[in-house]
Amino acid sequence: MARCGFDCVINYVRNADAAAEVKKAVETAGQRGHLVQADVGESADRRKLVEESYSAFGRIDLLVNNAGVAPDKRVDLLEASEIHLIG
């Protein structure tokens, strides 16, 4: 994403070293990187992730969800509740 001109928020749960490597790669590509430790399985952490993203960059242009867990029921994302997404 950085090579395409995006500043990047790098979210991680436990592996701060790997997240720091990604941030370095983002910065090497000429973009800004910002690290956020948050577990997207936790509602409060999701809020933290969004708030820190806005604080760092003022907006969110693109979201890549790579948590690796599919919801129990597929619904339109704009109509999904937390219950739909985490079952």
PDB file of N, CA and C in Angstrom:
ATOM      1  N   MET A   1       0.821  -1.178   0.000  1.00  0.00           N
ATOM      2  CA  MET A   1       0.000   0.000   0.000  1.00  0.00           C
ATOM      3  C   MET A   1       0.877   1.258   0.000  1.00  0.00           C
ATOM      4  N   ALA A   2       1.961   1.218   0.734  1.00  0.00           N
ATOM      5  CA  ALA A   2       2.847   2.379   0.782  1.00  0.00           C
ATOM      6  C   ALA A   2       3.435   2.689  -0.593  1.00  0.00           C
ATOM      7  N   ARG A   3       3.753   1.647  -1.341  1.00  0.00           N
ATOM      8  CA  ARG A   3       4.291   1.870  -2.690  1.00  0.00           C
ATOM      9  C   ARG A   3       3.255   2.473  -3.626  1.00  0.00           C
ATOM     10  N   CYS A   4       1.982   2.382  -3.258  1.00  0.00           N
ATOM     11  CA  CYS A   4       0.896   2.994  -4.035  1.00  0.00           C
ATOM     12  C   CYS A   4       0.573   4.399  -3.523  1.00  0.00           C
ATOM     13  N   GLY A   5       1.323   4.884  -2.534  1.00  0.00           N
ATOM     14  CA  GLY A   5       1.157   6.245  -2.055  1.00  0.00           C
ATOM     15  C   GLY A   5       0.322   6.411  -0.799  1.00  0.00           C
ATOM     16  N   PHE A   6       0.005   5.313  -0.121  1.00  0.00           N
ATOM     17  CA  PHE A   6      -0.798   5.389   1.096  1.00  0.00           C
ATOM     18  C   PHE A   6       0.091   5.461   2.330  1.00  0.00           C
ATOM     19  N   ASP A   7      -0.239   6.377   3.254  1.00  0.00           N
ATOM     20  CA  ASP A   7       0.290   6.289   4.606  1.00  0.00           C
ATOM     21  C   ASP A   7      -0.414   5.098   5.232  1.00  0.00           C
ATOM     22  N   CYS A   8       0.207   4.439   6.192  1.00  0.00           N
ATOM     23  CA  CYS A   8      -0.345   3.189   6.707  1.00  0.00           C
ATOM     24  C   CYS A   8      -0.371   3.133   8.223  1.00  0.00           C
ATOM     25  N   VAL A   9      -1.504   2.684   8.741  1.00  0.00           N
ATOM     26  CA  VAL A   9      -1.610   2.313  10.147  1.00  0.00           C
ATOM     27  C   VAL A   9      -1.365   0.819  10.198  1.00  0.00           C
ATOM     28  N   ILE A  10      -0.414   0.424  11.008  1.00  0.00           N
ATOM     29  CA  ILE A  10      -0.077  -0.987  11.142  1.00  0.00           C
ATOM     30  C   ILE A  10      -0.611  -1.456  12.487  1.00  0.00           C
ATOM     31  N   ASN A  11      -1.588  -2.340  12.436  1.00  0.00           N
ATOM     32  CA  ASN A  11      -2.193  -2.872  13.651  1.00  0.00           C
ATOM     33  C   ASN A  11      -1.539  -4.207  13.991  1.00  0.00           C
ATOM     34  N   TYR A  12      -1.325  -4.416  15.276  1.00  0.00           N
ATOM     35  CA  TYR A  12      -0.781  -5.698  15.726  1.00  0.00           C
ATOM     36  C   TYR A  12      -1.357  -5.997  17.107  1.00  0.00           C
ATOM     37  N   VAL A  13      -1.311  -7.262  17.478  1.00  0.00           N
ATOM     38  CA  VAL A  13      -1.770  -7.650  18.807  1.00  0.00           C
ATOM     39  C   VAL A  13      -0.571  -7.903  19.709  1.00  0.00           C
ATOM     40  N   ARG A  14       0.331  -8.799  19.282  1.00  0.00           N
ATOM     41  CA  ARG A  14       1.456  -9.194  20.140  1.00  0.00           C
ATOM     42  C   ARG A  14       2.832  -8.927  19.538  1.00  0.00           C
ATOM     43  N   ASN A  15       2.985  -9.049  18.242  1.00  0.00           N
ATOM     44  CA  ASN A  15       4.316  -9.039  17.649  1.00  0.00           C
ATOM     45  C   ASN A  15       4.760  -7.617  17.269  1.00  0.00           C
ATOM     46  N   ALA A  16       5.203  -6.877  18.278  1.00  0.00           N
ATOM     47  CA  ALA A  16       5.631  -5.495  18.062  1.00  0.00           C
ATOM     48  C   ALA A  16       6.845  -5.415  17.138  1.00  0.00           C
ATOM     49  N   ASP A  17       7.727  -6.402  17.204  1.00  0.00           N
ATOM     50  CA  ASP A  17       8.919  -6.380  16.344  1.00  0.00           C
ATOM     51  C   ASP A  17       8.535  -6.498  14.871  1.00  0.00           C
ATOM     52  N   ALA A  18       7.616  -7.397  14.553  1.00  0.00           N
ATOM     53  CA  ALA A  18       7.174  -7.545  13.162  1.00  0.00           C
ATOM     54  C   ALA A  18       6.461  -6.279  12.696  1.00  0.00           C
ATOM     55  N   ALA A  19       5.641  -5.698  13.572  1.00  0.00           N
ATOM     56  CA  ALA A  19       4.940  -4.462  13.220  1.00  0.00           C
ATOM     57  C   ALA A  19       5.937  -3.338  12.946  1.00  0.00           C
ATOM     58  N   ALA A  20       6.993  -3.261  13.747  1.00  0.00           N
ATOM     59  CA  ALA A  20       8.026  -2.242  13.544  1.00  0.00           C
ATOM     60  C   ALA A  20       8.744  -2.435  12.209  1.00  0.00           C
ATOM     61  N   GLU A  21       8.944  -3.686  11.809  1.00  0.00           N
ATOM     62  CA  GLU A  21       9.557  -3.962  10.496  1.00  0.00           C
ATOM     63  C   GLU A  21       8.658  -3.469   9.371  1.00  0.00           C
ATOM     64  N   VAL A  22       7.360  -3.683   9.505  1.00  0.00           N
ATOM     65  CA  VAL A  22       6.421  -3.208   8.487  1.00  0.00           C
ATOM     66  C   VAL A  22       6.434  -1.681   8.434  1.00  0.00           C
ATOM     67  N   LYS A  23       6.440  -1.053   9.598  1.00  0.00           N
ATOM     68  CA  LYS A  23       6.493   0.411   9.640  1.00  0.00           C
ATOM     69  C   LYS A  23       7.749   0.925   8.937  1.00  0.00           C
ATOM     70  N   LYS A  24       8.867   0.280   9.182  1.00  0.00           N
ATOM     71  CA  LYS A  24      10.111   0.679   8.527  1.00  0.00           C
ATOM     72  C   LYS A  24       9.991   0.544   7.010  1.00  0.00           C
ATOM     73  N   ALA A  25       9.366  -0.541   6.537  1.00  0.00           N
ATOM     74  CA  ALA A  25       9.176  -0.732   5.092  1.00  0.00           C
ATOM     75  C   ALA A  25       8.272   0.351   4.511  1.00  0.00           C
ATOM     76  N   VAL A  26       7.232   0.726   5.249  1.00  0.00           N
ATOM     77  CA  VAL A  26       6.335   1.804   4.806  1.00  0.00           C
ATOM     78  C   VAL A  26       7.138   3.098   4.660  1.00  0.00           C
ATOM     79  N   GLU A  27       7.947   3.407   5.657  1.00  0.00           N
ATOM     80  CA  GLU A  27       8.729   4.635   5.628  1.00  0.00           C
ATOM     81  C   GLU A  27       9.815   4.589   4.548  1.00  0.00           C
ATOM     82  N   THR A  28      10.379   3.426   4.304  1.00  0.00           N
ATOM     83  CA  THR A  28      11.356   3.276   3.223  1.00  0.00           C
ATOM     84  C   THR A  28      10.705   3.558   1.866  1.00  0.00           C
ATOM     85  N   ALA A  29       9.421   3.251   1.762  1.00  0.00           N
ATOM     86  CA  ALA A  29       8.677   3.520   0.526  1.00  0.00           C
ATOM     87  C   ALA A  29       8.254   4.988   0.424  1.00  0.00           C
ATOM     88  N   GLY A  30       8.612   5.790   1.428  1.00  0.00           N
ATOM     89  CA  GLY A  30       8.344   7.225   1.357  1.00  0.00           C
ATOM     90  C   GLY A  30       7.030   7.663   1.979  1.00  0.00           C
ATOM     91  N   GLN A  31       6.390   6.789   2.716  1.00  0.00           N
ATOM     92  CA  GLN A  31       5.109   7.126   3.337  1.00  0.00           C
ATOM     93  C   GLN A  31       5.246   7.105   4.852  1.00  0.00           C
ATOM     94  N   ARG A  32       4.219   7.595   5.518  1.00  0.00           N
ATOM     95  CA  ARG A  32       4.211   7.595   6.980  1.00  0.00           C
ATOM     96  C   ARG A  32       3.589   6.305   7.491  1.00  0.00           C
ATOM     97  N   GLY A  33       4.157   5.770   8.552  1.00  0.00           N
ATOM     98  CA  GLY A  33       3.615   4.592   9.211  1.00  0.00           C
ATOM     99  C   GLY A  33       3.276   4.918  10.654  1.00  0.00           C
ATOM    100  N   HIS A  34       2.217   4.308  11.148  1.00  0.00           N
ATOM    101  CA  HIS A  34       1.805   4.519  12.538  1.00  0.00           C
ATOM    102  C   HIS A  34       1.413   3.171  13.125  1.00  0.00           C
ATOM    103  N   LEU A  35       1.977   2.822  14.267  1.00  0.00           N
ATOM    104  CA  LEU A  35       1.696   1.536  14.910  1.00  0.00           C
ATOM    105  C   LEU A  35       0.579   1.672  15.931  1.00  0.00           C
ATOM    106  N   VAL A  36      -0.332   0.691  15.942  1.00  0.00           N
ATOM    107  CA  VAL A  36      -1.388   0.631  16.944  1.00  0.00           C
ATOM    108  C   VAL A  36      -1.502  -0.804  17.437  1.00  0.00           C
ATOM    109  N   GLN A  37      -1.382  -0.969  18.732  1.00  0.00           N
ATOM    110  CA  GLN A  37      -1.595  -2.296  19.316  1.00  0.00           C
ATOM    111  C   GLN A  37      -3.071  -2.396  19.678  1.00  0.00           C
ATOM    112  N   ALA A  38      -3.780  -3.308  19.000  1.00  0.00           N
ATOM    113  CA  ALA A  38      -5.211  -3.475  19.241  1.00  0.00           C
ATOM    114  C   ALA A  38      -5.640  -4.860  18.787  1.00  0.00           C
ATOM    115  N   ASP A  39      -6.531  -5.450  19.550  1.00  0.00           N
ATOM    116  CA  ASP A  39      -7.123  -6.741  19.204  1.00  0.00           C
ATOM    117  C   ASP A  39      -8.482  -6.464  18.578  1.00  0.00           C
ATOM    118  N   VAL A  40      -8.620  -6.674  17.270  1.00  0.00           N
ATOM    119  CA  VAL A  40      -9.877  -6.331  16.588  1.00  0.00           C
ATOM    120  C   VAL A  40     -11.043  -7.210  17.033  1.00  0.00           C
ATOM    121  N   GLY A  41     -10.777  -8.222  17.828  1.00  0.00           N
ATOM    122  CA  GLY A  41     -11.837  -9.026  18.410  1.00  0.00           C
ATOM    123  C   GLY A  41     -12.488  -8.351  19.610  1.00  0.00           C
ATOM    124  N   GLU A  42     -11.910  -7.245  20.049  1.00  0.00           N
ATOM    125  CA  GLU A  42     -12.424  -6.504  21.199  1.00  0.00           C
ATOM    126  C   GLU A  42     -12.983  -5.156  20.745  1.00  0.00           C
ATOM    127  N   SER A  43     -14.217  -4.883  21.114  1.00  0.00           N
ATOM    128  CA  SER A  43     -14.899  -3.659  20.695  1.00  0.00           C
ATOM    129  C   SER A  43     -14.108  -2.401  21.062  1.00  0.00           C
ATOM    130  N   ALA A  44     -13.627  -2.321  22.280  1.00  0.00           N
ATOM    131  CA  ALA A  44     -12.879  -1.136  22.718  1.00  0.00           C
ATOM    132  C   ALA A  44     -11.599  -0.959  21.903  1.00  0.00           C
ATOM    133  N   ASP A  45     -10.948  -2.055  21.569  1.00  0.00           N
ATOM    134  CA  ASP A  45      -9.728  -1.967  20.765  1.00  0.00           C
ATOM    135  C   ASP A  45     -10.024  -1.521  19.339  1.00  0.00           C
ATOM    136  N   ARG A  46     -11.165  -1.943  18.791  1.00  0.00           N
ATOM    137  CA  ARG A  46     -11.531  -1.470  17.447  1.00  0.00           C
ATOM    138  C   ARG A  46     -11.738   0.039  17.459  1.00  0.00           C
ATOM    139  N   ARG A  47     -12.404   0.543  18.491  1.00  0.00           N
ATOM    140  CA  ARG A  47     -12.583   1.992  18.621  1.00  0.00           C
ATOM    141  C   ARG A  47     -11.218   2.686  18.725  1.00  0.00           C
ATOM    142  N   LYS A  48     -10.344   2.118  19.534  1.00  0.00           N
ATOM    143  CA  LYS A  48      -8.999   2.678  19.693  1.00  0.00           C
ATOM    144  C   LYS A  48      -8.277   2.740  18.348  1.00  0.00           C
ATOM    145  N   LEU A  49      -8.368   1.680  17.567  1.00  0.00           N
ATOM    146  CA  LEU A  49      -7.709   1.619  16.266  1.00  0.00           C
ATOM    147  C   LEU A  49      -8.209   2.722  15.341  1.00  0.00           C
ATOM    148  N   VAL A  50      -9.517   2.899  15.294  1.00  0.00           N
ATOM    149  CA  VAL A  50     -10.098   3.949  14.440  1.00  0.00           C
ATOM    150  C   VAL A  50      -9.691   5.329  14.953  1.00  0.00           C
ATOM    151  N   GLU A  51      -9.809   5.549  16.258  1.00  0.00           N
ATOM    152  CA  GLU A  51      -9.459   6.850  16.828  1.00  0.00           C
ATOM    153  C   GLU A  51      -7.999   7.199  16.591  1.00  0.00           C
ATOM    154  N   GLU A  52      -7.111   6.239  16.778  1.00  0.00           N
ATOM    155  CA  GLU A  52      -5.688   6.514  16.548  1.00  0.00           C
ATOM    156  C   GLU A  52      -5.380   6.734  15.072  1.00  0.00           C
ATOM    157  N   SER A  53      -6.117   6.060  14.205  1.00  0.00           N
ATOM    158  CA  SER A  53      -5.942   6.273  12.764  1.00  0.00           C
ATOM    159  C   SER A  53      -6.310   7.699  12.389  1.00  0.00           C
ATOM    160  N   TYR A  54      -7.459   8.158  12.879  1.00  0.00           N
ATOM    161  CA  TYR A  54      -7.876   9.541  12.617  1.00  0.00           C
ATOM    162  C   TYR A  54      -6.905  10.534  13.240  1.00  0.00           C
ATOM    163  N   SER A  55      -6.446  10.235  14.438  1.00  0.00           N
ATOM    164  CA  SER A  55      -5.515  11.133  15.110  1.00  0.00           C
ATOM    165  C   SER A  55      -4.207  11.253  14.331  1.00  0.00           C
ATOM    166  N   ALA A  56      -3.716  10.146  13.817  1.00  0.00           N
ATOM    167  CA  ALA A  56      -2.436  10.140  13.100  1.00  0.00           C
ATOM    168  C   ALA A  56      -2.540  10.787  11.726  1.00  0.00           C
ATOM    169  N   PHE A  57      -3.626  10.513  10.995  1.00  0.00           N
ATOM    170  CA  PHE A  57      -3.695  10.920   9.589  1.00  0.00           C
ATOM    171  C   PHE A  57      -4.915  11.758   9.214  1.00  0.00           C
ATOM    172  N   GLY A  58      -5.867  11.907  10.132  1.00  0.00           N
ATOM    173  CA  GLY A  58      -7.012  12.764   9.859  1.00  0.00           C
ATOM    174  C   GLY A  58      -8.134  12.131   9.060  1.00  0.00           C
ATOM    175  N   ARG A  59      -7.917  10.935   8.558  1.00  0.00           N
ATOM    176  CA  ARG A  59      -8.943  10.260   7.754  1.00  0.00           C
ATOM    177  C   ARG A  59      -8.527   8.816   7.516  1.00  0.00           C
ATOM    178  N   ILE A  60      -9.484   8.036   7.027  1.00  0.00           N
ATOM    179  CA  ILE A  60      -9.219   6.663   6.604  1.00  0.00           C
ATOM    180  C   ILE A  60      -9.707   6.556   5.167  1.00  0.00           C
ATOM    181  N   ASP A  61      -8.794   6.269   4.249  1.00  0.00           N
ATOM    182  CA  ASP A  61      -9.155   6.142   2.838  1.00  0.00           C
ATOM    183  C   ASP A  61      -9.388   4.700   2.421  1.00  0.00           C
ATOM    184  N   LEU A  62      -8.728   3.776   3.067  1.00  0.00           N
ATOM    185  CA  LEU A  62      -8.798   2.375   2.677  1.00  0.00           C
ATOM    186  C   LEU A  62      -8.597   1.515   3.910  1.00  0.00           C
ATOM    187  N   LEU A  63      -9.389   0.466   4.011  1.00  0.00           N
ATOM    188  CA  LEU A  63      -9.256  -0.474   5.126  1.00  0.00           C
ATOM    189  C   LEU A  63      -8.989  -1.854   4.555  1.00  0.00           C
ATOM    190  N   VAL A  64      -7.930  -2.477   5.007  1.00  0.00           N
ATOM    191  CA  VAL A  64      -7.636  -3.860   4.640  1.00  0.00           C
ATOM    192  C   VAL A  64      -7.834  -4.691   5.891  1.00  0.00           C
ATOM    193  N   ASN A  65      -8.873  -5.505   5.878  1.00  0.00           N
ATOM    194  CA  ASN A  65      -9.175  -6.368   7.015  1.00  0.00           C
ATOM    195  C   ASN A  65      -8.520  -7.709   6.756  1.00  0.00           C
ATOM    196  N   ASN A  66      -7.533  -8.021   7.574  1.00  0.00           N
ATOM    197  CA  ASN A  66      -6.780  -9.249   7.378  1.00  0.00           C
ATOM    198  C   ASN A  66      -6.751 -10.065   8.671  1.00  0.00           C
ATOM    199  N   ALA A  67      -7.872 -10.017   9.417  1.00  0.00           N
ATOM    200  CA  ALA A  67      -7.911 -10.714  10.699  1.00  0.00           C
ATOM    201  C   ALA A  67      -8.038 -12.222  10.520  1.00  0.00           C
ATOM    202  N   GLY A  68      -8.512 -12.671   9.386  1.00  0.00           N
ATOM    203  CA  GLY A  68      -8.526 -14.092   9.083  1.00  0.00           C
ATOM    204  C   GLY A  68      -9.688 -14.894   9.634  1.00  0.00           C
ATOM    205  N   VAL A  69     -10.711 -14.237  10.154  1.00  0.00           N
ATOM    206  CA  VAL A  69     -11.869 -14.947  10.684  1.00  0.00           C
ATOM    207  C   VAL A  69     -13.114 -14.456   9.953  1.00  0.00           C
ATOM    208  N   ALA A  70     -13.855 -15.377   9.370  1.00  0.00           N
ATOM    209  CA  ALA A  70     -15.076 -15.016   8.645  1.00  0.00           C
ATOM    210  C   ALA A  70     -16.255 -14.952   9.610  1.00  0.00           C
ATOM    211  N   PRO A  71     -17.211 -14.059   9.344  1.00  0.00           N
ATOM    212  CA  PRO A  71     -18.394 -13.989  10.201  1.00  0.00           C
ATOM    213  C   PRO A  71     -19.267 -15.226  10.033  1.00  0.00           C
ATOM    214  N   ASP A  72     -20.088 -15.498  11.059  1.00  0.00           N
ATOM    215  CA  ASP A  72     -21.014 -16.631  10.986  1.00  0.00           C
ATOM    216  C   ASP A  72     -22.088 -16.413   9.933  1.00  0.00           C
ATOM    217  N   LYS A  73     -22.512 -15.166   9.760  1.00  0.00           N
ATOM    218  CA  LYS A  73     -23.578 -14.830   8.818  1.00  0.00           C
ATOM    219  C   LYS A  73     -23.091 -13.706   7.925  1.00  0.00           C
ATOM    220  N   ARG A  74     -23.220 -13.879   6.628  1.00  0.00           N
ATOM    221  CA  ARG A  74     -22.784 -12.850   5.682  1.00  0.00           C
ATOM    222  C   ARG A  74     -23.915 -11.854   5.454  1.00  0.00           C
ATOM    223  N   VAL A  75     -23.644 -10.593   5.748  1.00  0.00           N
ATOM    224  CA  VAL A  75     -24.582  -9.510   5.512  1.00  0.00           C
ATOM    225  C   VAL A  75     -23.815  -8.345   4.922  1.00  0.00           C
ATOM    226  N   ASP A  76     -24.537  -7.395   4.340  1.00  0.00           N
ATOM    227  CA  ASP A  76     -23.907  -6.193   3.817  1.00  0.00           C
ATOM    228  C   ASP A  76     -23.135  -5.518   4.951  1.00  0.00           C
ATOM    229  N   LEU A  77     -21.895  -5.158   4.722  1.00  0.00           N
ATOM    230  CA  LEU A  77     -21.049  -4.589   5.759  1.00  0.00           C
ATOM    231  C   LEU A  77     -21.675  -3.349   6.388  1.00  0.00           C
ATOM    232  N   LEU A  78     -22.355  -2.535   5.578  1.00  0.00           N
ATOM    233  CA  LEU A  78     -22.953  -1.320   6.114  1.00  0.00           C
ATOM    234  C   LEU A  78     -24.168  -1.607   6.988  1.00  0.00           C
ATOM    235  N   GLU A  79     -24.704  -2.815   6.894  1.00  0.00           N
ATOM    236  CA  GLU A  79     -25.854  -3.198   7.710  1.00  0.00           C
ATOM    237  C   GLU A  79     -25.467  -4.156   8.840  1.00  0.00           C
ATOM    238  N   ALA A  80     -24.227  -4.562   8.889  1.00  0.00           N
ATOM    239  CA  ALA A  80     -23.781  -5.547   9.869  1.00  0.00           C
ATOM    240  C   ALA A  80     -23.647  -4.912  11.247  1.00  0.00           C
ATOM    241  N   SER A  81     -24.066  -5.646  12.230  1.00  0.00           N
ATOM    242  CA  SER A  81     -23.836  -5.226  13.611  1.00  0.00           C
ATOM    243  C   SER A  81     -22.635  -6.001  14.134  1.00  0.00           C
ATOM    244  N   GLU A  82     -22.188  -5.639  15.311  1.00  0.00           N
ATOM    245  CA  GLU A  82     -21.092  -6.386  15.919  1.00  0.00           C
ATOM    246  C   GLU A  82     -21.461  -7.842  16.096  1.00  0.00           C
ATOM    247  N   ILE A  83     -22.723  -8.118  16.388  1.00  0.00           N
ATOM    248  CA  ILE A  83     -23.200  -9.482  16.550  1.00  0.00           C
ATOM    249  C   ILE A  83     -23.027 -10.267  15.240  1.00  0.00           C
ATOM    250  N   HIS A  84     -23.350  -9.651  14.110  1.00  0.00           N
ATOM    251  CA  HIS A  84     -23.175 -10.323  12.817  1.00  0.00           C
ATOM    252  C   HIS A  84     -21.717 -10.658  12.553  1.00  0.00           C
ATOM    253  N   LEU A  85     -20.823  -9.740  12.944  1.00  0.00           N
ATOM    254  CA  LEU A  85     -19.429  -9.897  12.591  1.00  0.00           C
ATOM    255  C   LEU A  85     -18.665 -10.843  13.500  1.00  0.00           C
ATOM    256  N   ILE A  86     -19.061 -10.927  14.762  1.00  0.00           N
ATOM    257  CA  ILE A  86     -18.302 -11.796  15.658  1.00  0.00           C
ATOM    258  C   ILE A  86     -19.117 -12.959  16.192  1.00  0.00           C
ATOM    259  N   GLY A  87     -20.354 -13.072  15.716  1.00  0.00           N
ATOM    260  CA  GLY A  87     -21.179 -14.239  15.979  1.00  0.00           C
ATOM    261  C   GLY A  87     -21.607 -14.428  17.376  1.00  0.00           C
TER     262      GLY A  87
END
